[in-house]
Amino acid sequence: MIKLLSACSCCGHIFGRSADGTRTELRCPKCGAEMEYCVTGNTVTVRVLKLSEKQKERMKGK
């Protein structure tokens, strides 16, 4: 069984390795963003559900 690495798309924190069929929602322990990641075949898709407060402030400054 092949396991693929999943990581936060906001800060790069590594969540761990997951196998095909995994679908997980979590809060990144490093930056606080809420994420969903799915593993399908040889593809990991990470979707940001909610930015952290720090990231929201950064977006306001741009």
N, C-alpha and C. Protein backbone atom coordinates (compact mmCIF):
# COMPACT_ATOMS: atom_id res chain seq x y z
N MET A 1 0.84 -1.18 0.00
CA MET A 1 0.00 0.00 0.00
C MET A 1 0.89 1.24 0.00
N ILE A 2 0.61 2.15 -0.93
CA ILE A 2 1.35 3.40 -1.02
C ILE A 2 0.68 4.45 -0.14
N LYS A 3 1.48 5.16 0.64
CA LYS A 3 0.96 6.26 1.45
C LYS A 3 1.61 7.55 0.98
N LEU A 4 0.81 8.58 0.84
CA LEU A 4 1.30 9.87 0.36
C LEU A 4 1.34 10.88 1.49
N LEU A 5 2.27 11.81 1.41
CA LEU A 5 2.45 12.84 2.41
C LEU A 5 1.43 13.95 2.20
N SER A 6 0.80 14.41 3.28
CA SER A 6 -0.11 15.54 3.20
C SER A 6 0.42 16.65 4.10
N ALA A 7 0.25 17.91 3.66
CA ALA A 7 0.79 19.05 4.40
C ALA A 7 -0.16 20.24 4.28
N CYS A 8 -0.05 21.16 5.21
CA CYS A 8 -0.85 22.38 5.22
C CYS A 8 -0.45 23.24 4.02
N SER A 9 -1.42 23.69 3.26
CA SER A 9 -1.11 24.52 2.09
C SER A 9 -0.86 25.97 2.48
N CYS A 10 -1.10 26.33 3.73
CA CYS A 10 -0.84 27.70 4.20
C CYS A 10 0.57 27.87 4.77
N CYS A 11 1.00 26.92 5.59
CA CYS A 11 2.29 27.08 6.28
C CYS A 11 3.28 25.96 5.98
N GLY A 12 2.83 24.86 5.36
CA GLY A 12 3.72 23.76 5.02
C GLY A 12 3.89 22.70 6.08
N HIS A 13 3.21 22.84 7.22
CA HIS A 13 3.31 21.84 8.28
C HIS A 13 2.86 20.47 7.76
N ILE A 14 3.64 19.45 8.00
CA ILE A 14 3.33 18.11 7.51
C ILE A 14 2.35 17.43 8.47
N PHE A 15 1.21 16.98 7.92
CA PHE A 15 0.20 16.29 8.72
C PHE A 15 0.55 14.83 8.90
N GLY A 16 1.11 14.20 7.86
CA GLY A 16 1.46 12.79 7.95
C GLY A 16 1.27 12.09 6.63
N ARG A 17 1.30 10.78 6.67
CA ARG A 17 1.12 9.97 5.46
C ARG A 17 -0.26 9.34 5.48
N SER A 18 -0.91 9.32 4.32
CA SER A 18 -2.25 8.78 4.22
C SER A 18 -2.38 7.92 2.97
N ALA A 19 -3.25 6.92 3.04
CA ALA A 19 -3.47 5.99 1.94
C ALA A 19 -4.67 6.43 1.10
N ASP A 20 -4.81 5.81 -0.05
CA ASP A 20 -5.92 6.06 -0.96
C ASP A 20 -7.25 5.91 -0.22
N GLY A 21 -8.16 6.83 -0.45
CA GLY A 21 -9.47 6.78 0.17
C GLY A 21 -9.59 7.62 1.44
N THR A 22 -8.48 8.22 1.88
CA THR A 22 -8.51 9.04 3.08
C THR A 22 -9.19 10.38 2.80
N ARG A 23 -10.05 10.80 3.71
CA ARG A 23 -10.66 12.13 3.64
C ARG A 23 -10.75 12.63 5.08
N THR A 24 -9.99 13.69 5.37
CA THR A 24 -9.86 14.17 6.74
C THR A 24 -10.03 15.68 6.82
N GLU A 25 -10.74 16.15 7.84
CA GLU A 25 -10.81 17.57 8.15
C GLU A 25 -10.06 17.77 9.46
N LEU A 26 -9.24 18.83 9.52
CA LEU A 26 -8.48 19.10 10.73
C LEU A 26 -8.07 20.56 10.81
N ARG A 27 -7.60 20.95 11.99
CA ARG A 27 -7.04 22.28 12.20
C ARG A 27 -5.53 22.11 12.29
N CYS A 28 -4.81 22.88 11.49
CA CYS A 28 -3.35 22.78 11.48
C CYS A 28 -2.81 23.18 12.86
N PRO A 29 -2.00 22.32 13.48
CA PRO A 29 -1.47 22.63 14.80
C PRO A 29 -0.44 23.76 14.79
N LYS A 30 0.10 24.07 13.62
CA LYS A 30 1.11 25.13 13.54
C LYS A 30 0.49 26.51 13.30
N CYS A 31 -0.40 26.64 12.30
CA CYS A 31 -0.92 27.97 11.96
C CYS A 31 -2.38 28.18 12.33
N GLY A 32 -3.12 27.10 12.61
CA GLY A 32 -4.51 27.22 13.03
C GLY A 32 -5.53 27.23 11.91
N ALA A 33 -5.10 27.11 10.67
CA ALA A 33 -6.04 27.08 9.54
C ALA A 33 -6.81 25.75 9.56
N GLU A 34 -8.07 25.80 9.12
CA GLU A 34 -8.86 24.58 9.02
C GLU A 34 -8.74 24.05 7.60
N MET A 35 -8.41 22.76 7.49
CA MET A 35 -8.13 22.12 6.20
C MET A 35 -8.96 20.86 6.02
N GLU A 36 -9.11 20.49 4.77
CA GLU A 36 -9.63 19.17 4.41
C GLU A 36 -8.64 18.60 3.42
N TYR A 37 -8.20 17.37 3.64
CA TYR A 37 -7.37 16.74 2.62
C TYR A 37 -7.93 15.39 2.24
N CYS A 38 -7.82 15.09 0.95
CA CYS A 38 -8.34 13.85 0.37
C CYS A 38 -7.23 13.19 -0.43
N VAL A 39 -7.15 11.88 -0.32
CA VAL A 39 -6.19 11.11 -1.11
C VAL A 39 -6.98 10.21 -2.05
N THR A 40 -6.75 10.41 -3.34
CA THR A 40 -7.41 9.61 -4.37
C THR A 40 -6.34 9.10 -5.32
N GLY A 41 -6.14 7.81 -5.33
CA GLY A 41 -5.09 7.25 -6.17
C GLY A 41 -3.73 7.78 -5.76
N ASN A 42 -3.04 8.44 -6.68
CA ASN A 42 -1.73 9.02 -6.40
C ASN A 42 -1.79 10.54 -6.25
N THR A 43 -2.96 11.06 -5.86
CA THR A 43 -3.15 12.51 -5.75
C THR A 43 -3.64 12.90 -4.37
N VAL A 44 -3.01 13.92 -3.79
CA VAL A 44 -3.46 14.49 -2.53
C VAL A 44 -4.02 15.87 -2.84
N THR A 45 -5.26 16.12 -2.43
CA THR A 45 -5.89 17.42 -2.62
C THR A 45 -6.11 18.04 -1.25
N VAL A 46 -5.60 19.26 -1.06
CA VAL A 46 -5.77 19.98 0.20
C VAL A 46 -6.62 21.21 -0.08
N ARG A 47 -7.68 21.37 0.72
CA ARG A 47 -8.58 22.51 0.54
C ARG A 47 -8.63 23.29 1.86
N VAL A 48 -8.46 24.60 1.75
CA VAL A 48 -8.54 25.45 2.93
C VAL A 48 -10.01 25.72 3.21
N LEU A 49 -10.47 25.36 4.41
CA LEU A 49 -11.85 25.61 4.81
C LEU A 49 -11.98 26.95 5.51
N LYS A 50 -10.95 27.31 6.30
CA LYS A 50 -10.97 28.57 7.02
C LYS A 50 -9.53 28.99 7.31
N LEU A 51 -9.17 30.22 6.92
CA LEU A 51 -7.84 30.72 7.20
C LEU A 51 -7.68 30.99 8.69
N SER A 52 -6.45 30.96 9.16
CA SER A 52 -6.18 31.34 10.54
C SER A 52 -6.31 32.85 10.67
N GLU A 53 -6.41 33.35 11.89
CA GLU A 53 -6.52 34.80 12.12
C GLU A 53 -5.28 35.53 11.59
N LYS A 54 -4.10 34.94 11.77
CA LYS A 54 -2.86 35.54 11.29
C LYS A 54 -2.88 35.67 9.76
N GLN A 55 -3.38 34.65 9.08
CA GLN A 55 -3.44 34.68 7.63
C GLN A 55 -4.47 35.69 7.14
N LYS A 56 -5.57 35.84 7.87
CA LYS A 56 -6.58 36.84 7.51
C LYS A 56 -5.99 38.24 7.59
N GLU A 57 -5.22 38.50 8.64
CA GLU A 57 -4.57 39.81 8.79
C GLU A 57 -3.59 40.07 7.65
N ARG A 58 -2.85 39.05 7.28
CA ARG A 58 -1.89 39.18 6.18
C ARG A 58 -2.61 39.51 4.87
N MET A 59 -3.76 38.90 4.64
CA MET A 59 -4.52 39.14 3.41
C MET A 59 -5.07 40.58 3.37
N LYS A 60 -5.42 41.14 4.52
CA LYS A 60 -5.92 42.52 4.58
C LYS A 60 -4.84 43.51 4.17
N GLY A 61 -3.60 43.20 4.48
CA GLY A 61 -2.48 44.10 4.18
C GLY A 61 -2.11 44.15 2.71
N LYS A 62 -2.62 43.23 1.93
CA LYS A 62 -2.25 43.19 0.48
C LYS A 62 -3.20 44.00 -0.34
